[in-house]
N, C-alpha and C. Protein backbone atom coordinates (compact mmCIF):
# COMPACT_ATOMS: atom_id res chain seq x y z
N MET A 1 123.23 -53.66 170.59
CA MET A 1 124.50 -54.11 171.39
C MET A 1 124.75 -55.65 171.11
N LYS A 2 123.74 -56.34 171.07
CA LYS A 2 123.93 -57.87 170.72
C LYS A 2 124.53 -58.05 169.39
N GLN A 3 124.02 -57.19 168.38
CA GLN A 3 124.57 -57.33 167.04
C GLN A 3 125.96 -56.88 166.96
N SER A 4 126.43 -55.76 167.80
CA SER A 4 127.83 -55.42 167.83
C SER A 4 128.68 -56.48 168.27
N ILE A 5 128.28 -57.10 169.34
CA ILE A 5 129.07 -58.24 170.03
C ILE A 5 129.24 -59.36 168.94
N ARG A 6 128.05 -59.73 168.29
CA ARG A 6 128.18 -60.75 167.31
C ARG A 6 129.07 -60.48 166.20
N THR A 7 129.05 -59.25 165.71
CA THR A 7 129.91 -58.76 164.73
C THR A 7 131.38 -58.83 165.09
N LEU A 8 131.64 -58.41 166.31
CA LEU A 8 133.00 -58.45 166.85
C LEU A 8 133.52 -59.90 166.96
N LEU A 9 132.64 -60.85 167.41
CA LEU A 9 133.13 -62.21 167.50
C LEU A 9 133.33 -62.82 166.15
N MET A 10 132.62 -62.37 165.10
CA MET A 10 132.76 -62.85 163.86
C MET A 10 134.22 -62.38 163.23
N LEU A 11 134.45 -61.06 163.47
CA LEU A 11 135.76 -60.52 162.99
C LEU A 11 136.92 -61.26 163.70
N VAL A 12 136.85 -61.51 164.98
CA VAL A 12 137.82 -62.29 165.65
C VAL A 12 138.02 -63.56 165.03
N ALA A 13 136.95 -64.32 164.79
CA ALA A 13 136.94 -65.77 164.20
C ALA A 13 137.64 -65.68 162.84
N ILE A 14 137.24 -64.60 162.10
CA ILE A 14 137.82 -64.51 160.71
C ILE A 14 139.37 -64.29 160.82
N SER A 15 139.80 -63.32 161.76
CA SER A 15 141.12 -63.09 161.92
C SER A 15 141.92 -64.32 162.44
N ILE A 16 141.39 -65.08 163.28
CA ILE A 16 142.16 -66.28 163.71
C ILE A 16 142.21 -67.33 162.60
N SER A 17 141.05 -67.45 161.83
CA SER A 17 141.14 -68.49 160.74
C SER A 17 142.08 -68.11 159.66
N CYS A 18 142.26 -66.79 159.45
CA CYS A 18 143.22 -66.32 158.37
C CYS A 18 144.58 -66.60 158.78
N SER A 19 144.89 -66.46 160.15
CA SER A 19 146.29 -66.73 160.61
C SER A 19 146.76 -68.20 160.47
N VAL A 20 145.78 -69.09 160.44
CA VAL A 20 146.16 -70.50 160.49
C VAL A 20 145.59 -71.20 159.28
N ALA A 21 145.20 -70.45 158.30
CA ALA A 21 144.68 -71.07 157.05
C ALA A 21 145.71 -72.00 156.35
N ARG A 22 145.18 -73.10 155.83
CA ARG A 22 146.05 -74.01 155.15
C ARG A 22 146.47 -73.53 153.74
N ALA A 23 147.58 -73.84 153.34
CA ALA A 23 148.09 -73.30 152.04
C ALA A 23 147.31 -74.19 150.96
N ALA A 24 146.69 -73.42 149.99
CA ALA A 24 145.85 -74.07 149.04
C ALA A 24 146.50 -74.21 147.70
N THR A 25 147.83 -74.21 147.74
CA THR A 25 148.55 -74.31 146.40
C THR A 25 149.75 -75.29 146.56
N PRO A 26 150.08 -75.89 145.44
CA PRO A 26 151.20 -76.86 145.37
C PRO A 26 152.45 -75.99 145.71
N LEU A 27 153.51 -76.62 146.27
CA LEU A 27 154.79 -76.02 146.44
C LEU A 27 155.39 -75.69 145.11
N ARG A 28 156.14 -74.66 144.96
CA ARG A 28 156.90 -74.31 143.77
C ARG A 28 158.33 -74.14 144.04
N ASN A 29 159.21 -74.26 143.03
CA ASN A 29 160.68 -74.01 143.22
C ASN A 29 160.81 -72.57 143.77
N GLY A 30 161.64 -72.41 144.84
CA GLY A 30 161.92 -71.09 145.30
C GLY A 30 160.97 -70.64 146.37
N ASP A 31 159.92 -71.43 146.74
CA ASP A 31 159.10 -71.02 147.89
C ASP A 31 159.91 -71.04 149.12
N LEU A 32 159.53 -70.25 150.18
CA LEU A 32 160.13 -70.30 151.48
C LEU A 32 159.23 -70.94 152.42
N ILE A 33 159.73 -71.76 153.29
CA ILE A 33 159.00 -72.35 154.45
C ILE A 33 159.49 -71.79 155.68
N PHE A 34 158.62 -71.13 156.40
CA PHE A 34 158.94 -70.63 157.75
C PHE A 34 158.49 -71.61 158.84
N GLN A 35 159.25 -71.77 159.91
CA GLN A 35 158.85 -72.75 160.88
C GLN A 35 158.96 -72.10 162.23
N GLU A 36 157.86 -72.55 163.13
CA GLU A 36 157.82 -72.13 164.44
C GLU A 36 158.02 -73.35 165.31
N SER A 37 159.13 -73.62 165.86
CA SER A 37 159.42 -74.83 166.73
C SER A 37 158.67 -74.55 168.09
N CYS A 38 158.22 -75.70 168.59
CA CYS A 38 157.34 -75.58 169.83
C CYS A 38 158.05 -75.50 171.08
N ARG A 39 159.36 -75.88 171.13
CA ARG A 39 160.16 -75.75 172.37
C ARG A 39 161.67 -75.85 172.07
N GLY A 40 162.39 -75.69 173.15
CA GLY A 40 163.87 -75.65 173.03
C GLY A 40 164.43 -74.41 173.47
N THR A 41 165.65 -74.47 174.21
CA THR A 41 166.21 -73.26 174.78
C THR A 41 166.50 -72.25 173.78
N MET A 42 167.16 -72.64 172.61
CA MET A 42 167.52 -71.70 171.51
C MET A 42 166.25 -71.13 170.92
N ASN A 43 165.25 -72.03 170.59
CA ASN A 43 164.04 -71.47 169.99
C ASN A 43 163.26 -70.51 170.86
N ASP A 44 163.39 -70.75 172.17
CA ASP A 44 162.68 -69.80 173.12
C ASP A 44 163.48 -68.47 173.14
N ALA A 45 164.73 -68.56 173.08
CA ALA A 45 165.52 -67.44 173.01
C ALA A 45 165.25 -66.58 171.83
N ILE A 46 165.19 -67.21 170.68
CA ILE A 46 164.85 -66.35 169.41
C ILE A 46 163.37 -65.84 169.60
N LYS A 47 162.44 -66.56 170.01
CA LYS A 47 161.11 -66.08 170.22
C LYS A 47 161.02 -64.84 171.15
N GLY A 48 161.87 -64.85 172.13
CA GLY A 48 161.84 -63.82 173.09
C GLY A 48 162.27 -62.38 172.59
N VAL A 49 163.03 -62.38 171.44
CA VAL A 49 163.56 -61.06 171.03
C VAL A 49 163.18 -60.79 169.52
N THR A 50 162.25 -61.57 168.92
CA THR A 50 161.90 -61.34 167.56
C THR A 50 160.34 -61.35 167.47
N THR A 51 159.79 -60.75 166.38
CA THR A 51 158.44 -60.87 166.12
C THR A 51 158.15 -61.31 164.70
N SER A 52 157.14 -62.02 164.40
CA SER A 52 156.77 -62.57 163.15
C SER A 52 155.47 -62.06 162.59
N ILE A 53 155.06 -62.41 161.37
CA ILE A 53 153.72 -62.11 160.75
C ILE A 53 152.66 -62.81 161.42
N SER A 54 151.48 -62.28 161.46
CA SER A 54 150.33 -62.91 161.83
C SER A 54 150.33 -63.67 163.23
N GLY A 55 151.13 -63.12 164.15
CA GLY A 55 151.26 -63.75 165.45
C GLY A 55 152.05 -64.90 165.68
N TYR A 56 152.68 -65.45 164.54
CA TYR A 56 153.59 -66.52 164.73
C TYR A 56 154.88 -66.08 165.38
N GLN A 57 155.63 -67.07 165.78
CA GLN A 57 156.96 -66.86 166.42
C GLN A 57 157.96 -67.74 165.65
N PHE A 58 158.40 -67.34 164.46
CA PHE A 58 159.19 -68.16 163.61
C PHE A 58 160.63 -68.25 164.15
N THR A 59 161.22 -69.48 164.03
CA THR A 59 162.58 -69.67 164.55
C THR A 59 163.41 -70.17 163.45
N HIS A 60 162.81 -70.43 162.26
CA HIS A 60 163.71 -71.15 161.14
C HIS A 60 163.00 -70.87 159.83
N VAL A 61 163.88 -70.89 158.70
CA VAL A 61 163.32 -70.71 157.37
C VAL A 61 164.29 -71.46 156.44
N GLY A 62 163.67 -72.00 155.37
CA GLY A 62 164.51 -72.65 154.39
C GLY A 62 163.80 -72.43 153.00
N ILE A 63 164.53 -72.76 151.93
CA ILE A 63 163.97 -72.53 150.55
C ILE A 63 163.72 -73.83 149.81
N VAL A 64 162.61 -73.91 149.02
CA VAL A 64 162.26 -75.17 148.44
C VAL A 64 163.00 -75.28 147.16
N TRP A 65 163.48 -76.48 146.83
CA TRP A 65 164.10 -76.90 145.66
C TRP A 65 163.49 -78.20 145.17
N ILE A 66 162.87 -78.13 144.01
CA ILE A 66 162.15 -79.28 143.35
C ILE A 66 163.17 -79.77 142.31
N HIS A 67 163.55 -81.02 142.44
CA HIS A 67 164.52 -81.61 141.51
C HIS A 67 164.03 -83.02 141.12
N GLN A 68 163.89 -83.20 139.83
CA GLN A 68 163.48 -84.50 139.28
C GLN A 68 162.25 -85.05 139.99
N LYS A 69 161.20 -84.16 140.23
CA LYS A 69 159.96 -84.54 140.93
C LYS A 69 160.08 -84.83 142.34
N ASP A 70 161.17 -84.68 142.89
CA ASP A 70 161.34 -84.72 144.26
C ASP A 70 161.44 -83.32 144.99
N THR A 71 160.93 -83.17 146.11
CA THR A 71 160.99 -81.78 146.81
C THR A 71 161.90 -81.78 147.96
N PHE A 72 162.75 -80.81 147.99
CA PHE A 72 163.71 -80.70 149.04
C PHE A 72 163.58 -79.30 149.66
N VAL A 73 164.24 -79.06 150.74
CA VAL A 73 164.44 -77.75 151.40
C VAL A 73 165.95 -77.59 151.55
N ILE A 74 166.53 -76.59 151.00
CA ILE A 74 167.85 -76.06 151.32
C ILE A 74 167.83 -75.18 152.51
N GLU A 75 168.62 -75.60 153.60
CA GLU A 75 168.49 -74.92 154.84
C GLU A 75 169.87 -74.78 155.49
N ALA A 76 170.09 -73.67 156.27
CA ALA A 76 171.19 -73.48 157.00
C ALA A 76 170.86 -73.95 158.40
N THR A 77 171.42 -75.17 158.80
CA THR A 77 171.02 -75.73 160.07
C THR A 77 172.22 -76.41 160.70
N ARG A 78 172.23 -76.72 162.03
CA ARG A 78 173.44 -77.26 162.58
C ARG A 78 173.61 -78.69 162.12
N PRO A 79 174.78 -79.09 161.68
CA PRO A 79 176.05 -78.41 161.82
C PRO A 79 176.46 -77.58 160.44
N ARG A 80 175.62 -77.75 159.43
CA ARG A 80 176.06 -77.03 158.23
C ARG A 80 174.86 -76.91 157.28
N VAL A 81 175.08 -76.13 156.26
CA VAL A 81 174.03 -76.00 155.15
C VAL A 81 173.77 -77.28 154.55
N ALA A 82 172.43 -77.68 154.43
CA ALA A 82 172.14 -79.05 153.95
C ALA A 82 170.86 -79.00 153.03
N ILE A 83 170.82 -80.17 152.25
CA ILE A 83 169.63 -80.27 151.39
C ILE A 83 168.76 -81.38 152.12
N THR A 84 167.69 -80.99 152.57
CA THR A 84 166.78 -81.93 153.31
C THR A 84 165.50 -82.22 152.67
N PRO A 85 165.20 -83.54 152.54
CA PRO A 85 163.91 -83.98 151.96
C PRO A 85 162.71 -83.26 152.63
N LEU A 86 161.68 -82.79 151.88
CA LEU A 86 160.59 -82.05 152.47
C LEU A 86 159.96 -82.67 153.60
N LYS A 87 159.71 -84.00 153.58
CA LYS A 87 159.02 -84.67 154.75
C LYS A 87 159.82 -84.59 156.02
N GLU A 88 161.19 -84.74 155.80
CA GLU A 88 162.05 -84.68 156.99
C GLU A 88 162.13 -83.25 157.58
N PHE A 89 161.99 -82.28 156.57
CA PHE A 89 161.99 -80.91 157.09
C PHE A 89 160.72 -80.54 157.85
N LEU A 90 159.64 -81.07 157.37
CA LEU A 90 158.35 -80.76 158.00
C LEU A 90 158.14 -81.52 159.35
N GLN A 91 158.68 -82.62 159.42
CA GLN A 91 158.56 -83.53 160.53
C GLN A 91 159.90 -84.01 160.95
N PRO A 92 160.76 -83.24 161.54
CA PRO A 92 162.21 -83.63 161.97
C PRO A 92 162.12 -84.74 162.96
N GLU A 93 162.90 -85.72 162.86
CA GLU A 93 163.00 -86.85 163.87
C GLU A 93 163.14 -86.38 165.28
N ALA A 94 164.07 -85.29 165.37
CA ALA A 94 164.36 -84.83 166.73
C ALA A 94 163.18 -84.15 167.33
N GLU A 95 162.17 -83.68 166.53
CA GLU A 95 161.08 -83.01 167.05
C GLU A 95 159.71 -83.77 166.80
N LYS A 96 159.91 -85.07 166.72
CA LYS A 96 158.78 -85.98 166.43
C LYS A 96 157.57 -85.83 167.50
N ALA A 97 157.92 -85.55 168.76
CA ALA A 97 156.94 -85.43 169.72
C ALA A 97 156.11 -84.13 169.59
N CYS A 98 156.77 -83.20 168.97
CA CYS A 98 156.13 -81.73 168.86
C CYS A 98 156.59 -81.12 167.58
N PRO A 99 156.11 -81.58 166.44
CA PRO A 99 156.61 -80.99 165.12
C PRO A 99 156.40 -79.56 165.04
N PRO A 100 157.31 -78.79 164.36
CA PRO A 100 157.20 -77.37 164.16
C PRO A 100 155.95 -77.06 163.30
N VAL A 101 155.35 -75.83 163.50
CA VAL A 101 154.40 -75.34 162.67
C VAL A 101 155.09 -74.79 161.36
N SER A 102 154.75 -75.23 160.21
CA SER A 102 155.37 -74.75 158.89
C SER A 102 154.46 -73.91 158.08
N VAL A 103 154.87 -72.76 157.68
CA VAL A 103 154.10 -71.86 156.90
C VAL A 103 154.78 -71.58 155.54
N LEU A 104 153.91 -71.63 154.54
CA LEU A 104 154.49 -71.47 153.12
C LEU A 104 154.40 -70.06 152.75
N ALA A 105 155.51 -69.54 152.13
CA ALA A 105 155.49 -68.14 151.55
C ALA A 105 156.10 -68.23 150.12
N ARG A 106 155.70 -67.30 149.34
CA ARG A 106 156.14 -67.23 147.91
C ARG A 106 156.61 -65.83 147.52
N MET A 107 157.73 -65.79 146.79
CA MET A 107 158.23 -64.52 146.30
C MET A 107 157.15 -63.87 145.37
N LYS A 108 157.02 -62.67 145.52
CA LYS A 108 156.01 -61.93 144.71
C LYS A 108 156.47 -61.94 143.20
N PRO A 109 155.56 -61.75 142.29
CA PRO A 109 155.84 -61.97 140.86
C PRO A 109 157.07 -61.18 140.28
N ARG A 110 157.22 -60.09 140.80
CA ARG A 110 158.45 -59.24 140.26
C ARG A 110 159.77 -59.85 140.72
N PHE A 111 159.81 -60.80 141.59
CA PHE A 111 161.03 -61.43 142.10
C PHE A 111 161.13 -62.86 141.64
N GLN A 112 160.10 -63.39 140.93
CA GLN A 112 160.19 -64.88 140.54
C GLN A 112 161.36 -65.05 139.59
N SER A 113 161.76 -64.13 138.78
CA SER A 113 162.89 -64.39 137.89
C SER A 113 164.17 -64.65 138.49
N LEU A 114 164.27 -64.22 139.79
CA LEU A 114 165.49 -64.42 140.49
C LEU A 114 165.71 -65.87 141.13
N ILE A 115 164.57 -66.69 141.02
CA ILE A 115 164.61 -67.91 141.80
C ILE A 115 165.58 -68.91 141.21
N PRO A 116 165.69 -69.10 139.86
CA PRO A 116 166.70 -70.08 139.37
C PRO A 116 168.11 -69.81 139.91
N GLN A 117 168.54 -68.53 139.83
CA GLN A 117 169.81 -68.26 140.19
C GLN A 117 170.00 -68.28 141.74
N ALA A 118 168.94 -68.03 142.50
CA ALA A 118 169.07 -68.05 143.98
C ALA A 118 169.20 -69.55 144.37
N ILE A 119 168.41 -70.50 143.71
CA ILE A 119 168.62 -71.87 144.07
C ILE A 119 170.05 -72.32 143.71
N GLU A 120 170.60 -71.89 142.59
CA GLU A 120 171.98 -72.21 142.34
C GLU A 120 172.99 -71.70 143.38
N GLU A 121 172.72 -70.50 143.70
CA GLU A 121 173.59 -69.99 144.87
C GLU A 121 173.36 -70.75 146.05
N ALA A 122 172.26 -71.28 146.47
CA ALA A 122 172.01 -71.97 147.69
C ALA A 122 172.76 -73.38 147.51
N ARG A 123 172.62 -73.93 146.43
CA ARG A 123 173.30 -75.29 146.24
C ARG A 123 174.72 -75.10 146.36
N ARG A 124 175.31 -74.00 145.94
CA ARG A 124 176.81 -73.83 146.09
C ARG A 124 177.32 -73.67 147.59
N LEU A 125 176.33 -73.30 148.42
CA LEU A 125 176.65 -73.16 149.82
C LEU A 125 176.48 -74.44 150.65
N VAL A 126 175.95 -75.42 150.05
CA VAL A 126 175.67 -76.63 150.75
C VAL A 126 177.04 -77.26 151.32
N GLY A 127 176.96 -77.50 152.57
CA GLY A 127 178.23 -77.97 153.18
C GLY A 127 179.01 -76.86 154.03
N LYS A 128 178.57 -75.62 153.85
CA LYS A 128 179.20 -74.51 154.59
C LYS A 128 178.76 -74.72 156.04
N ASP A 129 179.57 -74.29 157.00
CA ASP A 129 179.35 -74.35 158.39
C ASP A 129 178.16 -73.41 158.79
N TYR A 130 177.36 -73.93 159.83
CA TYR A 130 176.37 -73.17 160.42
C TYR A 130 176.93 -71.96 161.23
N ASP A 131 176.35 -70.77 161.14
CA ASP A 131 176.89 -69.61 161.75
C ASP A 131 176.23 -69.48 163.16
N SER A 132 176.79 -70.04 164.14
CA SER A 132 176.24 -70.01 165.49
C SER A 132 176.22 -68.69 166.04
N ALA A 133 177.15 -67.87 165.63
CA ALA A 133 177.34 -66.48 166.23
C ALA A 133 176.42 -65.46 165.56
N PHE A 134 175.76 -65.81 164.47
CA PHE A 134 174.80 -64.92 163.74
C PHE A 134 175.60 -63.63 163.20
N ILE A 135 176.69 -63.83 162.62
CA ILE A 135 177.52 -62.76 162.08
C ILE A 135 177.59 -62.84 160.54
N LEU A 136 177.41 -61.78 159.80
CA LEU A 136 177.43 -61.69 158.46
C LEU A 136 178.90 -61.77 157.89
N ASN A 137 179.02 -62.21 156.65
CA ASN A 137 180.22 -62.10 155.90
C ASN A 137 181.48 -62.89 156.59
N ASN A 138 181.21 -64.05 157.08
CA ASN A 138 182.28 -64.88 157.62
C ASN A 138 182.30 -66.30 157.01
N ASP A 139 181.65 -66.41 155.91
CA ASP A 139 181.66 -67.73 155.18
C ASP A 139 180.94 -68.78 155.98
N MET A 140 180.12 -68.46 156.85
CA MET A 140 179.17 -69.38 157.59
C MET A 140 177.87 -68.83 157.56
N TYR A 141 176.79 -69.67 157.72
CA TYR A 141 175.40 -69.03 157.43
C TYR A 141 174.54 -69.66 158.49
N TYR A 142 173.58 -68.65 158.97
CA TYR A 142 172.40 -69.07 159.66
C TYR A 142 171.19 -69.09 158.72
N CYS A 143 170.03 -69.57 159.19
CA CYS A 143 169.01 -69.82 158.18
C CYS A 143 168.48 -68.64 157.46
N SER A 144 168.17 -67.59 158.10
CA SER A 144 167.62 -66.40 157.29
C SER A 144 168.75 -65.70 156.59
N GLU A 145 170.01 -65.73 157.11
CA GLU A 145 171.10 -65.21 156.34
C GLU A 145 171.30 -65.88 154.96
N LEU A 146 171.18 -67.17 154.92
CA LEU A 146 171.28 -67.93 153.74
C LEU A 146 170.34 -67.42 152.70
N VAL A 147 169.06 -67.29 153.08
CA VAL A 147 168.08 -66.83 152.18
C VAL A 147 168.38 -65.45 151.66
N TYR A 148 168.75 -64.64 152.65
CA TYR A 148 169.11 -63.15 152.32
C TYR A 148 170.20 -63.13 151.27
N GLU A 149 171.29 -63.84 151.57
CA GLU A 149 172.46 -63.91 150.67
C GLU A 149 172.15 -64.48 149.25
N ILE A 150 171.45 -65.52 149.16
CA ILE A 150 171.26 -66.09 147.84
C ILE A 150 170.44 -65.22 146.82
N PHE A 151 169.46 -64.48 147.52
CA PHE A 151 168.70 -63.55 146.72
C PHE A 151 169.51 -62.24 146.40
N LEU A 152 170.34 -61.91 147.31
CA LEU A 152 171.18 -60.85 147.04
C LEU A 152 172.01 -60.98 145.88
N LYS A 153 172.77 -62.19 145.80
CA LYS A 153 173.66 -62.60 144.77
C LYS A 153 172.78 -62.75 143.47
N ALA A 154 171.65 -63.38 143.53
CA ALA A 154 170.79 -63.50 142.33
C ALA A 154 170.38 -62.18 141.68
N ASN A 155 170.26 -61.04 142.52
CA ASN A 155 169.85 -59.80 142.17
C ASN A 155 170.98 -58.81 141.95
N GLN A 156 172.11 -59.43 141.50
CA GLN A 156 173.32 -58.54 141.19
C GLN A 156 173.76 -57.62 142.40
N ASN A 157 173.71 -58.33 143.56
CA ASN A 157 174.14 -57.64 144.85
C ASN A 157 173.25 -56.44 145.28
N VAL A 158 172.07 -56.40 144.75
CA VAL A 158 171.05 -55.41 145.26
C VAL A 158 170.11 -56.18 146.22
N PRO A 159 169.94 -55.71 147.43
CA PRO A 159 169.27 -56.52 148.47
C PRO A 159 167.85 -56.59 148.04
N VAL A 160 167.27 -57.84 148.25
CA VAL A 160 165.92 -58.16 148.11
C VAL A 160 165.16 -57.99 149.41
N PHE A 161 165.76 -58.62 150.44
CA PHE A 161 165.30 -58.56 151.83
C PHE A 161 166.12 -57.48 152.49
N THR A 162 165.58 -56.83 153.53
CA THR A 162 166.21 -55.73 154.21
C THR A 162 166.88 -56.25 155.53
N LEU A 163 168.09 -55.80 155.77
CA LEU A 163 168.78 -56.22 156.98
C LEU A 163 168.30 -55.24 158.11
N ASN A 164 168.35 -55.70 159.39
CA ASN A 164 167.97 -54.90 160.58
C ASN A 164 169.06 -54.91 161.50
N ALA A 165 169.00 -54.03 162.42
CA ALA A 165 169.92 -53.99 163.52
C ALA A 165 169.44 -55.07 164.55
N MET A 166 170.32 -56.02 164.78
CA MET A 166 169.96 -57.21 165.58
C MET A 166 169.87 -56.76 167.04
N THR A 167 168.93 -57.34 167.78
CA THR A 167 168.85 -57.10 169.22
C THR A 167 168.67 -58.44 169.94
N PHE A 168 169.27 -58.48 171.08
CA PHE A 168 169.13 -59.75 171.91
C PHE A 168 168.52 -59.33 173.24
N LYS A 169 167.73 -58.35 173.25
CA LYS A 169 166.86 -57.85 174.43
C LYS A 169 165.44 -58.03 174.10
N ALA A 170 164.65 -58.43 175.08
CA ALA A 170 163.26 -58.53 174.99
C ALA A 170 162.59 -57.15 174.76
N PRO A 171 161.51 -57.08 174.01
CA PRO A 171 160.90 -55.74 173.78
C PRO A 171 160.56 -54.96 175.03
N GLY A 172 161.09 -53.74 175.01
CA GLY A 172 160.90 -52.85 176.15
C GLY A 172 161.93 -52.99 177.26
N SER A 173 162.88 -53.92 177.07
CA SER A 173 163.81 -54.13 178.08
C SER A 173 165.18 -53.50 177.64
N LYS A 174 165.98 -53.05 178.70
CA LYS A 174 167.32 -52.55 178.44
C LYS A 174 168.39 -53.67 178.63
N ASP A 175 167.98 -54.83 179.00
CA ASP A 175 168.85 -55.89 179.33
C ASP A 175 168.79 -57.03 178.40
N PHE A 176 169.96 -57.68 178.20
CA PHE A 176 169.91 -58.89 177.43
C PHE A 176 169.22 -60.05 178.07
N THR A 177 168.60 -60.87 177.29
CA THR A 177 167.88 -62.00 178.01
C THR A 177 168.89 -62.90 178.58
N PRO A 178 168.58 -63.61 179.72
CA PRO A 178 169.58 -64.57 180.21
C PRO A 178 170.02 -65.64 179.31
N GLU A 179 169.14 -66.11 178.37
CA GLU A 179 169.42 -67.22 177.47
C GLU A 179 170.59 -66.71 176.53
N TRP A 180 170.48 -65.50 176.01
CA TRP A 180 171.44 -64.98 175.12
C TRP A 180 172.72 -64.69 175.89
N VAL A 181 172.79 -64.28 177.07
CA VAL A 181 173.91 -64.03 177.82
C VAL A 181 174.76 -65.29 177.97
N GLU A 182 173.98 -66.40 178.34
CA GLU A 182 174.66 -67.61 178.56
C GLU A 182 175.10 -68.26 177.31
N TYR A 183 174.29 -68.05 176.13
CA TYR A 183 174.68 -68.60 174.82
C TYR A 183 176.02 -68.04 174.36
N TYR A 184 176.17 -66.66 174.37
CA TYR A 184 177.39 -66.07 173.93
C TYR A 184 178.57 -66.26 174.90
N LYS A 185 178.26 -66.44 176.14
CA LYS A 185 179.23 -66.77 177.12
C LYS A 185 179.91 -68.15 176.72
N LYS A 186 179.11 -69.12 176.34
CA LYS A 186 179.63 -70.39 175.90
C LYS A 186 180.35 -70.33 174.59
N LEU A 187 179.87 -69.37 173.68
CA LEU A 187 180.72 -69.19 172.46
C LEU A 187 182.01 -68.48 172.66
N GLY A 188 182.10 -67.74 173.85
CA GLY A 188 183.34 -66.99 174.11
C GLY A 188 183.37 -65.72 173.13
N GLN A 189 182.21 -65.17 172.84
CA GLN A 189 182.19 -64.06 172.00
C GLN A 189 181.13 -63.00 172.51
N PRO A 190 181.46 -61.65 172.23
CA PRO A 190 180.52 -60.74 172.66
C PRO A 190 179.12 -60.75 171.96
N ILE A 191 178.13 -60.40 172.62
CA ILE A 191 176.87 -60.32 171.91
C ILE A 191 176.68 -59.26 170.88
N PRO A 192 176.46 -59.65 169.60
CA PRO A 192 176.54 -58.72 168.51
C PRO A 192 175.30 -57.76 168.51
N GLU A 193 174.93 -57.12 169.60
CA GLU A 193 173.89 -56.21 169.67
C GLU A 193 174.16 -55.06 168.62
N GLY A 194 173.09 -54.78 167.86
CA GLY A 194 173.12 -53.65 166.95
C GLY A 194 173.80 -53.94 165.63
N GLU A 195 174.35 -55.05 165.49
CA GLU A 195 175.00 -55.41 164.33
C GLU A 195 173.99 -55.80 163.19
N PRO A 196 174.35 -55.58 161.85
CA PRO A 196 173.31 -55.96 160.91
C PRO A 196 172.99 -57.38 160.77
N GLY A 197 171.78 -57.78 160.55
CA GLY A 197 171.31 -59.15 160.46
C GLY A 197 169.93 -59.34 160.13
N ILE A 198 169.46 -60.47 159.94
CA ILE A 198 167.99 -60.73 159.68
C ILE A 198 167.57 -62.00 160.35
N ASN A 199 166.39 -62.05 160.86
CA ASN A 199 165.83 -63.22 161.45
C ASN A 199 164.62 -63.71 160.73
N PRO A 200 164.20 -64.94 160.99
CA PRO A 200 163.02 -65.45 160.29
C PRO A 200 161.80 -64.65 160.44
N GLY A 201 161.54 -64.15 161.62
CA GLY A 201 160.44 -63.35 161.95
C GLY A 201 160.28 -62.06 161.08
N ALA A 202 161.46 -61.41 161.07
CA ALA A 202 161.53 -60.15 160.22
C ALA A 202 161.36 -60.49 158.77
N MET A 203 162.02 -61.55 158.33
CA MET A 203 161.87 -61.94 156.88
C MET A 203 160.40 -62.28 156.56
N SER A 204 159.69 -62.85 157.38
CA SER A 204 158.21 -63.24 157.17
C SER A 204 157.41 -62.03 156.94
N LYS A 205 157.85 -60.78 157.42
CA LYS A 205 157.02 -59.58 157.30
C LYS A 205 157.50 -58.80 156.10
N ALA A 206 158.49 -59.30 155.35
CA ALA A 206 159.01 -58.54 154.17
C ALA A 206 157.99 -58.30 153.17
N ASP A 207 157.89 -57.22 152.42
CA ASP A 207 156.92 -57.02 151.42
C ASP A 207 157.18 -57.60 150.08
N VAL A 208 158.29 -58.48 150.03
CA VAL A 208 158.67 -59.10 148.70
C VAL A 208 158.05 -60.46 148.69
N ILE A 209 157.44 -60.91 149.73
CA ILE A 209 156.84 -62.25 149.79
C ILE A 209 155.39 -62.23 150.11
N GLU A 210 154.65 -63.28 149.80
CA GLU A 210 153.29 -63.42 150.17
C GLU A 210 153.06 -64.76 151.03
N ILE A 211 152.50 -64.69 152.09
CA ILE A 211 152.28 -65.71 153.03
C ILE A 211 151.01 -66.45 152.49
N LEU A 212 151.24 -67.83 152.22
CA LEU A 212 150.13 -68.57 151.60
C LEU A 212 149.33 -69.44 152.61
N GLY A 213 149.94 -69.79 153.75
CA GLY A 213 149.31 -70.59 154.77
C GLY A 213 150.08 -71.75 155.25
N GLU A 214 149.61 -72.37 156.24
CA GLU A 214 150.16 -73.51 156.86
C GLU A 214 150.28 -74.77 155.97
N LEU A 215 151.37 -75.50 156.10
CA LEU A 215 151.49 -76.77 155.37
C LEU A 215 150.96 -77.99 156.15
């Protein structure tokens, strides 16, 4: 009995250590960085209706661009798509008191050839408005939509990541969460329940990427 308990505790410890392992590889062009912000009304709203890999609650994602030995992250963030220095992305000034958890992911080998074109597509979108309503095909972009679109275009309009039917309801609930009701009320738009989309959590579970660990 004691041996069984000891084995169980060891398995739990291994599981926990795997979920928070540090990334043991240098960043490469085209890597994705997922982030779990520690607080904020919008971040809490996202966490309430999405799930991520390894127990994380991702609220943001960007793509790494290495240019002339400097490392940046191209991200769709408020107010528009931007090229952000890596250090600033990992430790945003606005979240200095509680920096986000950042997790590195890499496209699997069969998709590596798409990265140069995907980066070019991302650079073309810099300056586009942030998509606060999370709607596809409106020439505005939210974080995971940006990553989805650039790989779609790089792959000759064949999806690399899979779209899902969006939901703004907590798991097991028939009602919209109060945060999303208030959010879309302020936007003056209906909640796009069931519309196609993709969130950072769902993207983190895609079988086209490999999670490498925390930065």
